[in-house]
Amino acid sequence: MDLGSTIAQIRKEKNWSQSYLARISGCTQAQISRFESEERIPCLPVLDRLSLALNINLGTTIGANHTLSKKVTNDDFVQEAFKFVQLSVQLMENMEKRNKELHKIIKKQKKD
């Protein structure tokens, strides 16, 4: 499931409107709509605020399936930290790719 679908699904499970999620996360309703439709990708600080508002961990927000046992060992923590780093790198790569695409579009529009 992609990021926008994850945000929308969790919001809907809580029976929240986009406006309500926007209000408690410090975003606008338009931003939430753009995030859910994948028109925009939220930056990490916004992802963090959305995670806090939705009461989920950041890994869940970006699509990781985090299921920890009640007893967490150091190895469990290291594995979870590694998963988080991998997902963060993947997110950053996707954002960088999208930025390059946008720069190409802008550059082309300026030429026209």
PDB file of N, CA and C in Angstrom:
ATOM      1  N   MET A   1       0.855  -1.178   0.000  1.00  0.00           N
ATOM      2  CA  MET A   1       0.000   0.000   0.000  1.00  0.00           C
ATOM      3  C   MET A   1       0.897   1.236   0.000  1.00  0.00           C
ATOM      4  N   ASP A   2       0.546   2.224  -0.808  1.00  0.00           N
ATOM      5  CA  ASP A   2       1.361   3.427  -0.885  1.00  0.00           C
ATOM      6  C   ASP A   2       1.061   4.364   0.290  1.00  0.00           C
ATOM      7  N   LEU A   3       1.873   5.378   0.426  1.00  0.00           N
ATOM      8  CA  LEU A   3       1.789   6.299   1.555  1.00  0.00           C
ATOM      9  C   LEU A   3       0.428   6.976   1.650  1.00  0.00           C
ATOM     10  N   GLY A   4      -0.053   7.516   0.541  1.00  0.00           N
ATOM     11  CA  GLY A   4      -1.335   8.212   0.558  1.00  0.00           C
ATOM     12  C   GLY A   4      -2.482   7.306   0.966  1.00  0.00           C
ATOM     13  N   SER A   5      -2.481   6.083   0.444  1.00  0.00           N
ATOM     14  CA  SER A   5      -3.530   5.118   0.790  1.00  0.00           C
ATOM     15  C   SER A   5      -3.470   4.741   2.261  1.00  0.00           C
ATOM     16  N   THR A   6      -2.252   4.631   2.787  1.00  0.00           N
ATOM     17  CA  THR A   6      -2.085   4.301   4.200  1.00  0.00           C
ATOM     18  C   THR A   6      -2.673   5.396   5.079  1.00  0.00           C
ATOM     19  N   ILE A   7      -2.347   6.642   4.761  1.00  0.00           N
ATOM     20  CA  ILE A   7      -2.866   7.764   5.545  1.00  0.00           C
ATOM     21  C   ILE A   7      -4.397   7.785   5.466  1.00  0.00           C
ATOM     22  N   ALA A   8      -4.929   7.642   4.251  1.00  0.00           N
ATOM     23  CA  ALA A   8      -6.380   7.679   4.061  1.00  0.00           C
ATOM     24  C   ALA A   8      -7.068   6.535   4.797  1.00  0.00           C
ATOM     25  N   GLN A   9      -6.503   5.337   4.698  1.00  0.00           N
ATOM     26  CA  GLN A   9      -7.112   4.173   5.342  1.00  0.00           C
ATOM     27  C   GLN A   9      -7.179   4.343   6.858  1.00  0.00           C
ATOM     28  N   ILE A  10      -6.073   4.751   7.455  1.00  0.00           N
ATOM     29  CA  ILE A  10      -6.049   4.913   8.914  1.00  0.00           C
ATOM     30  C   ILE A  10      -6.986   6.038   9.344  1.00  0.00           C
ATOM     31  N   ARG A  11      -6.994   7.121   8.585  1.00  0.00           N
ATOM     32  CA  ARG A  11      -7.904   8.236   8.898  1.00  0.00           C
ATOM     33  C   ARG A  11      -9.352   7.775   8.847  1.00  0.00           C
ATOM     34  N   LYS A  12      -9.698   7.020   7.805  1.00  0.00           N
ATOM     35  CA  LYS A  12     -11.070   6.535   7.650  1.00  0.00           C
ATOM     36  C   LYS A  12     -11.443   5.521   8.736  1.00  0.00           C
ATOM     37  N   GLU A  13     -10.482   4.673   9.124  1.00  0.00           N
ATOM     38  CA  GLU A  13     -10.740   3.718  10.204  1.00  0.00           C
ATOM     39  C   GLU A  13     -11.101   4.440  11.502  1.00  0.00           C
ATOM     40  N   LYS A  14     -10.562   5.627  11.679  1.00  0.00           N
ATOM     41  CA  LYS A  14     -10.846   6.430  12.871  1.00  0.00           C
ATOM     42  C   LYS A  14     -12.097   7.297  12.687  1.00  0.00           C
ATOM     43  N   ASN A  15     -12.717   7.191  11.497  1.00  0.00           N
ATOM     44  CA  ASN A  15     -13.895   8.006  11.158  1.00  0.00           C
ATOM     45  C   ASN A  15     -13.599   9.503  11.268  1.00  0.00           C
ATOM     46  N   TRP A  16     -12.419   9.896  10.797  1.00  0.00           N
ATOM     47  CA  TRP A  16     -12.016  11.297  10.819  1.00  0.00           C
ATOM     48  C   TRP A  16     -12.153  11.884   9.426  1.00  0.00           C
ATOM     49  N   SER A  17     -12.508  13.135   9.377  1.00  0.00           N
ATOM     50  CA  SER A  17     -12.502  13.853   8.101  1.00  0.00           C
ATOM     51  C   SER A  17     -11.074  14.320   7.810  1.00  0.00           C
ATOM     52  N   GLN A  18     -10.836  14.691   6.574  1.00  0.00           N
ATOM     53  CA  GLN A  18      -9.529  15.263   6.228  1.00  0.00           C
ATOM     54  C   GLN A  18      -9.311  16.552   7.015  1.00  0.00           C
ATOM     55  N   SER A  19     -10.381  17.318   7.196  1.00  0.00           N
ATOM     56  CA  SER A  19     -10.275  18.583   7.939  1.00  0.00           C
ATOM     57  C   SER A  19      -9.849  18.344   9.377  1.00  0.00           C
ATOM     58  N   TYR A  20     -10.405  17.308   9.994  1.00  0.00           N
ATOM     59  CA  TYR A  20     -10.053  17.024  11.388  1.00  0.00           C
ATOM     60  C   TYR A  20      -8.589  16.599  11.490  1.00  0.00           C
ATOM     61  N   LEU A  21      -8.163  15.687  10.610  1.00  0.00           N
ATOM     62  CA  LEU A  21      -6.768  15.265  10.622  1.00  0.00           C
ATOM     63  C   LEU A  21      -5.854  16.462  10.378  1.00  0.00           C
ATOM     64  N   ALA A  22      -6.248  17.325   9.468  1.00  0.00           N
ATOM     65  CA  ALA A  22      -5.446  18.523   9.185  1.00  0.00           C
ATOM     66  C   ALA A  22      -5.297  19.377  10.434  1.00  0.00           C
ATOM     67  N   ARG A  23      -6.404  19.588  11.121  1.00  0.00           N
ATOM     68  CA  ARG A  23      -6.389  20.445  12.315  1.00  0.00           C
ATOM     69  C   ARG A  23      -5.478  19.884  13.404  1.00  0.00           C
ATOM     70  N   ILE A  24      -5.547  18.579  13.657  1.00  0.00           N
ATOM     71  CA  ILE A  24      -4.752  18.023  14.762  1.00  0.00           C
ATOM     72  C   ILE A  24      -3.301  17.740  14.373  1.00  0.00           C
ATOM     73  N   SER A  25      -3.006  17.772  13.071  1.00  0.00           N
ATOM     74  CA  SER A  25      -1.624  17.517  12.636  1.00  0.00           C
ATOM     75  C   SER A  25      -0.890  18.781  12.221  1.00  0.00           C
ATOM     76  N   GLY A  26      -1.591  19.924  12.227  1.00  0.00           N
ATOM     77  CA  GLY A  26      -0.948  21.172  11.846  1.00  0.00           C
ATOM     78  C   GLY A  26      -0.818  21.341  10.343  1.00  0.00           C
ATOM     79  N   CYS A  27      -1.628  20.634   9.585  1.00  0.00           N
ATOM     80  CA  CYS A  27      -1.638  20.765   8.127  1.00  0.00           C
ATOM     81  C   CYS A  27      -2.927  21.465   7.711  1.00  0.00           C
ATOM     82  N   THR A  28      -3.078  21.641   6.419  1.00  0.00           N
ATOM     83  CA  THR A  28      -4.345  22.131   5.894  1.00  0.00           C
ATOM     84  C   THR A  28      -5.102  20.945   5.300  1.00  0.00           C
ATOM     85  N   GLN A  29      -6.400  21.117   5.116  1.00  0.00           N
ATOM     86  CA  GLN A  29      -7.198  20.054   4.508  1.00  0.00           C
ATOM     87  C   GLN A  29      -6.712  19.787   3.089  1.00  0.00           C
ATOM     88  N   ALA A  30      -6.312  20.839   2.389  1.00  0.00           N
ATOM     89  CA  ALA A  30      -5.805  20.683   1.020  1.00  0.00           C
ATOM     90  C   ALA A  30      -4.530  19.832   1.001  1.00  0.00           C
ATOM     91  N   GLN A  31      -3.659  20.040   1.989  1.00  0.00           N
ATOM     92  CA  GLN A  31      -2.444  19.228   2.061  1.00  0.00           C
ATOM     93  C   GLN A  31      -2.791  17.756   2.274  1.00  0.00           C
ATOM     94  N   ILE A  32      -3.702  17.495   3.208  1.00  0.00           N
ATOM     95  CA  ILE A  32      -4.091  16.106   3.481  1.00  0.00           C
ATOM     96  C   ILE A  32      -4.645  15.474   2.206  1.00  0.00           C
ATOM     97  N   SER A  33      -5.482  16.195   1.502  1.00  0.00           N
ATOM     98  CA  SER A  33      -6.045  15.690   0.250  1.00  0.00           C
ATOM     99  C   SER A  33      -4.935  15.374  -0.755  1.00  0.00           C
ATOM    100  N   ARG A  34      -3.975  16.269  -0.877  1.00  0.00           N
ATOM    101  CA  ARG A  34      -2.868  16.046  -1.827  1.00  0.00           C
ATOM    102  C   ARG A  34      -1.989  14.868  -1.405  1.00  0.00           C
ATOM    103  N   PHE A  35      -1.775  14.710  -0.101  1.00  0.00           N
ATOM    104  CA  PHE A  35      -0.981  13.573   0.379  1.00  0.00           C
ATOM    105  C   PHE A  35      -1.704  12.258   0.071  1.00  0.00           C
ATOM    106  N   GLU A  36      -3.009  12.214   0.364  1.00  0.00           N
ATOM    107  CA  GLU A  36      -3.766  10.985   0.175  1.00  0.00           C
ATOM    108  C   GLU A  36      -3.905  10.616  -1.299  1.00  0.00           C
ATOM    109  N   SER A  37      -3.948  11.609  -2.165  1.00  0.00           N
ATOM    110  CA  SER A  37      -4.068  11.345  -3.605  1.00  0.00           C
ATOM    111  C   SER A  37      -2.702  11.149  -4.264  1.00  0.00           C
ATOM    112  N   GLU A  38      -1.642  11.222  -3.464  1.00  0.00           N
ATOM    113  CA  GLU A  38      -0.263  11.082  -3.952  1.00  0.00           C
ATOM    114  C   GLU A  38       0.142  12.220  -4.894  1.00  0.00           C
ATOM    115  N   GLU A  39      -0.596  13.314  -4.837  1.00  0.00           N
ATOM    116  CA  GLU A  39      -0.225  14.494  -5.619  1.00  0.00           C
ATOM    117  C   GLU A  39       1.019  15.140  -5.021  1.00  0.00           C
ATOM    118  N   ARG A  40       1.146  15.033  -3.713  1.00  0.00           N
ATOM    119  CA  ARG A  40       2.293  15.570  -2.988  1.00  0.00           C
ATOM    120  C   ARG A  40       2.787  14.506  -2.006  1.00  0.00           C
ATOM    121  N   ILE A  41       4.076  14.572  -1.698  1.00  0.00           N
ATOM    122  CA  ILE A  41       4.665  13.685  -0.693  1.00  0.00           C
ATOM    123  C   ILE A  41       5.058  14.560   0.491  1.00  0.00           C
ATOM    124  N   PRO A  42       4.559  14.237   1.678  1.00  0.00           N
ATOM    125  CA  PRO A  42       4.906  15.064   2.843  1.00  0.00           C
ATOM    126  C   PRO A  42       6.380  14.916   3.213  1.00  0.00           C
ATOM    127  N   CYS A  43       6.967  16.002   3.685  1.00  0.00           N
ATOM    128  CA  CYS A  43       8.350  15.945   4.153  1.00  0.00           C
ATOM    129  C   CYS A  43       8.377  15.191   5.484  1.00  0.00           C
ATOM    130  N   LEU A  44       9.562  14.815   5.938  1.00  0.00           N
ATOM    131  CA  LEU A  44       9.676  14.006   7.153  1.00  0.00           C
ATOM    132  C   LEU A  44       9.066  14.663   8.389  1.00  0.00           C
ATOM    133  N   PRO A  45       9.268  15.968   8.631  1.00  0.00           N
ATOM    134  CA  PRO A  45       8.618  16.563   9.804  1.00  0.00           C
ATOM    135  C   PRO A  45       7.093  16.483   9.745  1.00  0.00           C
ATOM    136  N   VAL A  46       6.523  16.633   8.549  1.00  0.00           N
ATOM    137  CA  VAL A  46       5.066  16.528   8.399  1.00  0.00           C
ATOM    138  C   VAL A  46       4.633  15.077   8.594  1.00  0.00           C
ATOM    139  N   LEU A  47       5.409  14.132   8.055  1.00  0.00           N
ATOM    140  CA  LEU A  47       5.114  12.716   8.286  1.00  0.00           C
ATOM    141  C   LEU A  47       5.107  12.403   9.777  1.00  0.00           C
ATOM    142  N   ASP A  48       6.047  12.980  10.485  1.00  0.00           N
ATOM    143  CA  ASP A  48       6.119  12.771  11.922  1.00  0.00           C
ATOM    144  C   ASP A  48       4.866  13.311  12.613  1.00  0.00           C
ATOM    145  N   ARG A  49       4.432  14.509  12.222  1.00  0.00           N
ATOM    146  CA  ARG A  49       3.214  15.083  12.820  1.00  0.00           C
ATOM    147  C   ARG A  49       1.982  14.254  12.483  1.00  0.00           C
ATOM    148  N   LEU A  50       1.909  13.756  11.244  1.00  0.00           N
ATOM    149  CA  LEU A  50       0.785  12.903  10.860  1.00  0.00           C
ATOM    150  C   LEU A  50       0.789  11.604  11.673  1.00  0.00           C
ATOM    151  N   SER A  51       1.970  11.050  11.856  1.00  0.00           N
ATOM    152  CA  SER A  51       2.087   9.817  12.652  1.00  0.00           C
ATOM    153  C   SER A  51       1.614  10.040  14.074  1.00  0.00           C
ATOM    154  N   LEU A  52       2.020  11.160  14.654  1.00  0.00           N
ATOM    155  CA  LEU A  52       1.582  11.470  16.018  1.00  0.00           C
ATOM    156  C   LEU A  52       0.075  11.662  16.070  1.00  0.00           C
ATOM    157  N   ALA A  53      -0.469  12.376  15.103  1.00  0.00           N
ATOM    158  CA  ALA A  53      -1.910  12.632  15.086  1.00  0.00           C
ATOM    159  C   ALA A  53      -2.696  11.332  14.916  1.00  0.00           C
ATOM    160  N   LEU A  54      -2.210  10.443  14.058  1.00  0.00           N
ATOM    161  CA  LEU A  54      -2.892   9.179  13.797  1.00  0.00           C
ATOM    162  C   LEU A  54      -2.580   8.119  14.859  1.00  0.00           C
ATOM    163  N   ASN A  55      -1.657   8.451  15.767  1.00  0.00           N
ATOM    164  CA  ASN A  55      -1.254   7.550  16.850  1.00  0.00           C
ATOM    165  C   ASN A  55      -0.647   6.251  16.309  1.00  0.00           C
ATOM    166  N   ILE A  56       0.231   6.393  15.325  1.00  0.00           N
ATOM    167  CA  ILE A  56       0.958   5.266  14.758  1.00  0.00           C
ATOM    168  C   ILE A  56       2.429   5.640  14.663  1.00  0.00           C
ATOM    169  N   ASN A  57       3.284   4.634  14.508  1.00  0.00           N
ATOM    170  CA  ASN A  57       4.698   4.972  14.380  1.00  0.00           C
ATOM    171  C   ASN A  57       5.009   5.378  12.943  1.00  0.00           C
ATOM    172  N   LEU A  58       6.084   6.084  12.773  1.00  0.00           N
ATOM    173  CA  LEU A  58       6.460   6.617  11.465  1.00  0.00           C
ATOM    174  C   LEU A  58       6.632   5.498  10.447  1.00  0.00           C
ATOM    175  N   GLY A  59       7.161   4.361  10.873  1.00  0.00           N
ATOM    176  CA  GLY A  59       7.324   3.220   9.967  1.00  0.00           C
ATOM    177  C   GLY A  59       6.002   2.761   9.390  1.00  0.00           C
ATOM    178  N   THR A  60       4.964   2.745  10.203  1.00  0.00           N
ATOM    179  CA  THR A  60       3.635   2.362   9.723  1.00  0.00           C
ATOM    180  C   THR A  60       3.143   3.369   8.704  1.00  0.00           C
ATOM    181  N   THR A  61       3.403   4.640   8.966  1.00  0.00           N
ATOM    182  CA  THR A  61       2.949   5.688   8.050  1.00  0.00           C
ATOM    183  C   THR A  61       3.557   5.504   6.670  1.00  0.00           C
ATOM    184  N   ILE A  62       4.815   5.102   6.603  1.00  0.00           N
ATOM    185  CA  ILE A  62       5.453   4.955   5.298  1.00  0.00           C
ATOM    186  C   ILE A  62       5.373   3.523   4.775  1.00  0.00           C
ATOM    187  N   GLY A  63       4.546   2.714   5.417  1.00  0.00           N
ATOM    188  CA  GLY A  63       4.231   1.418   4.831  1.00  0.00           C
ATOM    189  C   GLY A  63       4.911   0.215   5.428  1.00  0.00           C
ATOM    190  N   ALA A  64       5.595   0.361   6.528  1.00  0.00           N
ATOM    191  CA  ALA A  64       6.248  -0.791   7.145  1.00  0.00           C
ATOM    192  C   ALA A  64       5.250  -1.536   8.013  1.00  0.00           C
ATOM    193  N   ASN A  65       5.408  -2.809   8.099  1.00  0.00           N
ATOM    194  CA  ASN A  65       4.587  -3.616   8.992  1.00  0.00           C
ATOM    195  C   ASN A  65       5.392  -3.893  10.246  1.00  0.00           C
ATOM    196  N   HIS A  66       5.169  -3.107  11.257  1.00  0.00           N
ATOM    197  CA  HIS A  66       5.901  -3.232  12.507  1.00  0.00           C
ATOM    198  C   HIS A  66       5.041  -3.954  13.522  1.00  0.00           C
ATOM    199  N   THR A  67       5.458  -5.159  13.883  1.00  0.00           N
ATOM    200  CA  THR A  67       4.766  -5.884  14.924  1.00  0.00           C
ATOM    201  C   THR A  67       5.806  -6.341  15.931  1.00  0.00           C
ATOM    202  N   LEU A  68       5.884  -5.649  17.028  1.00  0.00           N
ATOM    203  CA  LEU A  68       6.852  -5.986  18.058  1.00  0.00           C
ATOM    204  C   LEU A  68       6.178  -6.784  19.159  1.00  0.00           C
ATOM    205  N   SER A  69       6.928  -7.716  19.737  1.00  0.00           N
ATOM    206  CA  SER A  69       6.405  -8.446  20.878  1.00  0.00           C
ATOM    207  C   SER A  69       6.464  -7.534  22.104  1.00  0.00           C
ATOM    208  N   LYS A  70       5.812  -7.949  23.176  1.00  0.00           N
ATOM    209  CA  LYS A  70       5.827  -7.133  24.387  1.00  0.00           C
ATOM    210  C   LYS A  70       7.232  -7.047  24.972  1.00  0.00           C
ATOM    211  N   LYS A  71       8.008  -8.100  24.794  1.00  0.00           N
ATOM    212  CA  LYS A  71       9.371  -8.133  25.309  1.00  0.00           C
ATOM    213  C   LYS A  71      10.321  -7.805  24.161  1.00  0.00           C
ATOM    214  N   VAL A  72      10.896  -6.625  24.196  1.00  0.00           N
ATOM    215  CA  VAL A  72      11.777  -6.182  23.121  1.00  0.00           C
ATOM    216  C   VAL A  72      13.225  -6.384  23.538  1.00  0.00           C
ATOM    217  N   THR A  73      13.942  -7.111  22.712  1.00  0.00           N
ATOM    218  CA  THR A  73      15.365  -7.338  22.992  1.00  0.00           C
ATOM    219  C   THR A  73      16.188  -6.322  22.209  1.00  0.00           C
ATOM    220  N   ASN A  74      17.475  -6.273  22.512  1.00  0.00           N
ATOM    221  CA  ASN A  74      18.364  -5.382  21.764  1.00  0.00           C
ATOM    222  C   ASN A  74      18.371  -5.738  20.281  1.00  0.00           C
ATOM    223  N   ASP A  75      18.363  -7.045  19.973  1.00  0.00           N
ATOM    224  CA  ASP A  75      18.344  -7.473  18.574  1.00  0.00           C
ATOM    225  C   ASP A  75      17.070  -6.993  17.878  1.00  0.00           C
ATOM    226  N   ASP A  76      15.930  -7.077  18.587  1.00  0.00           N
ATOM    227  CA  ASP A  76      14.674  -6.578  18.017  1.00  0.00           C
ATOM    228  C   ASP A  76      14.784  -5.093  17.718  1.00  0.00           C
ATOM    229  N   PHE A  77      15.335  -4.368  18.663  1.00  0.00           N
ATOM    230  CA  PHE A  77      15.472  -2.917  18.473  1.00  0.00           C
ATOM    231  C   PHE A  77      16.361  -2.620  17.274  1.00  0.00           C
ATOM    232  N   VAL A  78      17.473  -3.320  17.162  1.00  0.00           N
ATOM    233  CA  VAL A  78      18.398  -3.102  16.052  1.00  0.00           C
ATOM    234  C   VAL A  78      17.704  -3.423  14.726  1.00  0.00           C
ATOM    235  N   GLN A  79      16.954  -4.519  14.682  1.00  0.00           N
ATOM    236  CA  GLN A  79      16.238  -4.877  13.456  1.00  0.00           C
ATOM    237  C   GLN A  79      15.205  -3.817  13.079  1.00  0.00           C
ATOM    238  N   GLU A  80      14.461  -3.333  14.068  1.00  0.00           N
ATOM    239  CA  GLU A  80      13.472  -2.291  13.798  1.00  0.00           C
ATOM    240  C   GLU A  80      14.140  -0.999  13.339  1.00  0.00           C
ATOM    241  N   ALA A  81      15.252  -0.652  13.982  1.00  0.00           N
ATOM    242  CA  ALA A  81      15.981   0.553  13.585  1.00  0.00           C
ATOM    243  C   ALA A  81      16.491   0.408  12.150  1.00  0.00           C
ATOM    244  N   PHE A  82      16.978  -0.772  11.817  1.00  0.00           N
ATOM    245  CA  PHE A  82      17.473  -1.020  10.467  1.00  0.00           C
ATOM    246  C   PHE A  82      16.340  -0.903   9.446  1.00  0.00           C
ATOM    247  N   LYS A  83      15.165  -1.473   9.758  1.00  0.00           N
ATOM    248  CA  LYS A  83      14.000  -1.355   8.869  1.00  0.00           C
ATOM    249  C   LYS A  83      13.636   0.117   8.672  1.00  0.00           C
ATOM    250  N   PHE A  84      13.651   0.862   9.762  1.00  0.00           N
ATOM    251  CA  PHE A  84      13.303   2.278   9.679  1.00  0.00           C
ATOM    252  C   PHE A  84      14.284   3.025   8.784  1.00  0.00           C
ATOM    253  N   VAL A  85      15.565   2.757   8.938  1.00  0.00           N
ATOM    254  CA  VAL A  85      16.586   3.415   8.112  1.00  0.00           C
ATOM    255  C   VAL A  85      16.384   3.039   6.647  1.00  0.00           C
ATOM    256  N   GLN A  86      16.132   1.765   6.381  1.00  0.00           N
ATOM    257  CA  GLN A  86      15.902   1.342   4.998  1.00  0.00           C
ATOM    258  C   GLN A  86      14.703   2.062   4.397  1.00  0.00           C
ATOM    259  N   LEU A  87      13.622   2.140   5.148  1.00  0.00           N
ATOM    260  CA  LEU A  87      12.425   2.820   4.655  1.00  0.00           C
ATOM    261  C   LEU A  87      12.661   4.311   4.471  1.00  0.00           C
ATOM    262  N   SER A  88      13.426   4.904   5.373  1.00  0.00           N
ATOM    263  CA  SER A  88      13.741   6.327   5.253  1.00  0.00           C
ATOM    264  C   SER A  88      14.565   6.596   4.003  1.00  0.00           C
ATOM    265  N   VAL A  89      15.526   5.741   3.745  1.00  0.00           N
ATOM    266  CA  VAL A  89      16.353   5.884   2.540  1.00  0.00           C
ATOM    267  C   VAL A  89      15.484   5.737   1.298  1.00  0.00           C
ATOM    268  N   GLN A  90      14.595   4.742   1.314  1.00  0.00           N
ATOM    269  CA  GLN A  90      13.699   4.532   0.185  1.00  0.00           C
ATOM    270  C   GLN A  90      12.806   5.755  -0.031  1.00  0.00           C
ATOM    271  N   LEU A  91      12.278   6.300   1.049  1.00  0.00           N
ATOM    272  CA  LEU A  91      11.444   7.485   0.948  1.00  0.00           C
ATOM    273  C   LEU A  91      12.231   8.657   0.380  1.00  0.00           C
ATOM    274  N   MET A  92      13.436   8.866   0.864  1.00  0.00           N
ATOM    275  CA  MET A  92      14.268   9.962   0.376  1.00  0.00           C
ATOM    276  C   MET A  92      14.606   9.780  -1.098  1.00  0.00           C
ATOM    277  N   GLU A  93      14.880   8.545  -1.511  1.00  0.00           N
ATOM    278  CA  GLU A  93      15.168   8.284  -2.925  1.00  0.00           C
ATOM    279  C   GLU A  93      13.950   8.591  -3.785  1.00  0.00           C
ATOM    280  N   ASN A  94      12.768   8.192  -3.304  1.00  0.00           N
ATOM    281  CA  ASN A  94      11.536   8.485  -4.047  1.00  0.00           C
ATOM    282  C   ASN A  94      11.295   9.982  -4.135  1.00  0.00           C
ATOM    283  N   MET A  95      11.562  10.686  -3.051  1.00  0.00           N
ATOM    284  CA  MET A  95      11.381  12.139  -3.050  1.00  0.00           C
ATOM    285  C   MET A  95      12.375  12.802  -3.995  1.00  0.00           C
ATOM    286  N   GLU A  96      13.608  12.322  -3.998  1.00  0.00           N
ATOM    287  CA  GLU A  96      14.620  12.884  -4.892  1.00  0.00           C
ATOM    288  C   GLU A  96      14.246  12.637  -6.352  1.00  0.00           C
ATOM    289  N   LYS A  97      13.752  11.430  -6.645  1.00  0.00           N
ATOM    290  CA  LYS A  97      13.319  11.105  -7.999  1.00  0.00           C
ATOM    291  C   LYS A  97      12.179  12.030  -8.425  1.00  0.00           C
ATOM    292  N   ARG A  98      11.222  12.226  -7.534  1.00  0.00           N
ATOM    293  CA  ARG A  98      10.074  13.099  -7.836  1.00  0.00           C
ATOM    294  C   ARG A  98      10.546  14.543  -8.054  1.00  0.00           C
ATOM    295  N   ASN A  99      11.479  15.017  -7.228  1.00  0.00           N
ATOM    296  CA  ASN A  99      12.008  16.369  -7.396  1.00  0.00           C
ATOM    297  C   ASN A  99      12.675  16.538  -8.753  1.00  0.00           C
ATOM    298  N   LYS A 100      13.434  15.530  -9.184  1.00  0.00           N
ATOM    299  CA  LYS A 100      14.086  15.604 -10.491  1.00  0.00           C
ATOM    300  C   LYS A 100      13.056  15.674 -11.605  1.00  0.00           C
ATOM    301  N   GLU A 101      11.990  14.878 -11.472  1.00  0.00           N
ATOM    302  CA  GLU A 101      10.928  14.903 -12.470  1.00  0.00           C
ATOM    303  C   GLU A 101      10.272  16.284 -12.519  1.00  0.00           C
ATOM    304  N   LEU A 102      10.032  16.849 -11.352  1.00  0.00           N
ATOM    305  CA  LEU A 102       9.413  18.172 -11.296  1.00  0.00           C
ATOM    306  C   LEU A 102      10.320  19.244 -11.890  1.00  0.00           C
ATOM    307  N   HIS A 103      11.615  19.144 -11.617  1.00  0.00           N
ATOM    308  CA  HIS A 103      12.561  20.112 -12.176  1.00  0.00           C
ATOM    309  C   HIS A 103      12.582  20.029 -13.698  1.00  0.00           C
ATOM    310  N   LYS A 104      12.500  18.804 -14.247  1.00  0.00           N
ATOM    311  CA  LYS A 104      12.456  18.648 -15.698  1.00  0.00           C
ATOM    312  C   LYS A 104      11.201  19.302 -16.269  1.00  0.00           C
ATOM    313  N   ILE A 105      10.082  19.097 -15.610  1.00  0.00           N
ATOM    314  CA  ILE A 105       8.818  19.681 -16.071  1.00  0.00           C
ATOM    315  C   ILE A 105       8.892  21.204 -16.037  1.00  0.00           C
ATOM    316  N   ILE A 106       9.422  21.738 -14.956  1.00  0.00           N
ATOM    317  CA  ILE A 106       9.543  23.194 -14.815  1.00  0.00           C
ATOM    318  C   ILE A 106      10.478  23.762 -15.862  1.00  0.00           C
ATOM    319  N   LYS A 107      11.599  23.084 -16.047  1.00  0.00           N
ATOM    320  CA  LYS A 107      12.582  23.540 -17.039  1.00  0.00           C
ATOM    321  C   LYS A 107      11.966  23.539 -18.430  1.00  0.00           C
ATOM    322  N   LYS A 108      11.212  22.491 -18.743  1.00  0.00           N
ATOM    323  CA  LYS A 108      10.562  22.401 -20.054  1.00  0.00           C
ATOM    324  C   LYS A 108       9.527  23.506 -20.212  1.00  0.00           C
ATOM    325  N   GLN A 109       8.758  23.788 -19.151  1.00  0.00           N
ATOM    326  CA  GLN A 109       7.750  24.834 -19.218  1.00  0.00           C
ATOM    327  C   GLN A 109       8.380  26.207 -19.411  1.00  0.00           C
ATOM    328  N   LYS A 110       9.547  26.428 -18.818  1.00  0.00           N
ATOM    329  CA  LYS A 110      10.221  27.713 -18.958  1.00  0.00           C
ATOM    330  C   LYS A 110      10.694  27.903 -20.391  1.00  0.00           C
ATOM    331  N   LYS A 111      11.088  26.811 -21.061  1.00  0.00           N
ATOM    332  CA  LYS A 111      11.549  26.892 -22.449  1.00  0.00           C
ATOM    333  C   LYS A 111      10.387  27.215 -23.383  1.00  0.00           C
ATOM    334  N   ASP A 112       9.214  26.707 -23.060  1.00  0.00           N
ATOM    335  CA  ASP A 112       8.034  26.891 -23.927  1.00  0.00           C
ATOM    336  C   ASP A 112       7.487  28.255 -23.781  1.00  0.00           C
TER     337      ASP A 112
END
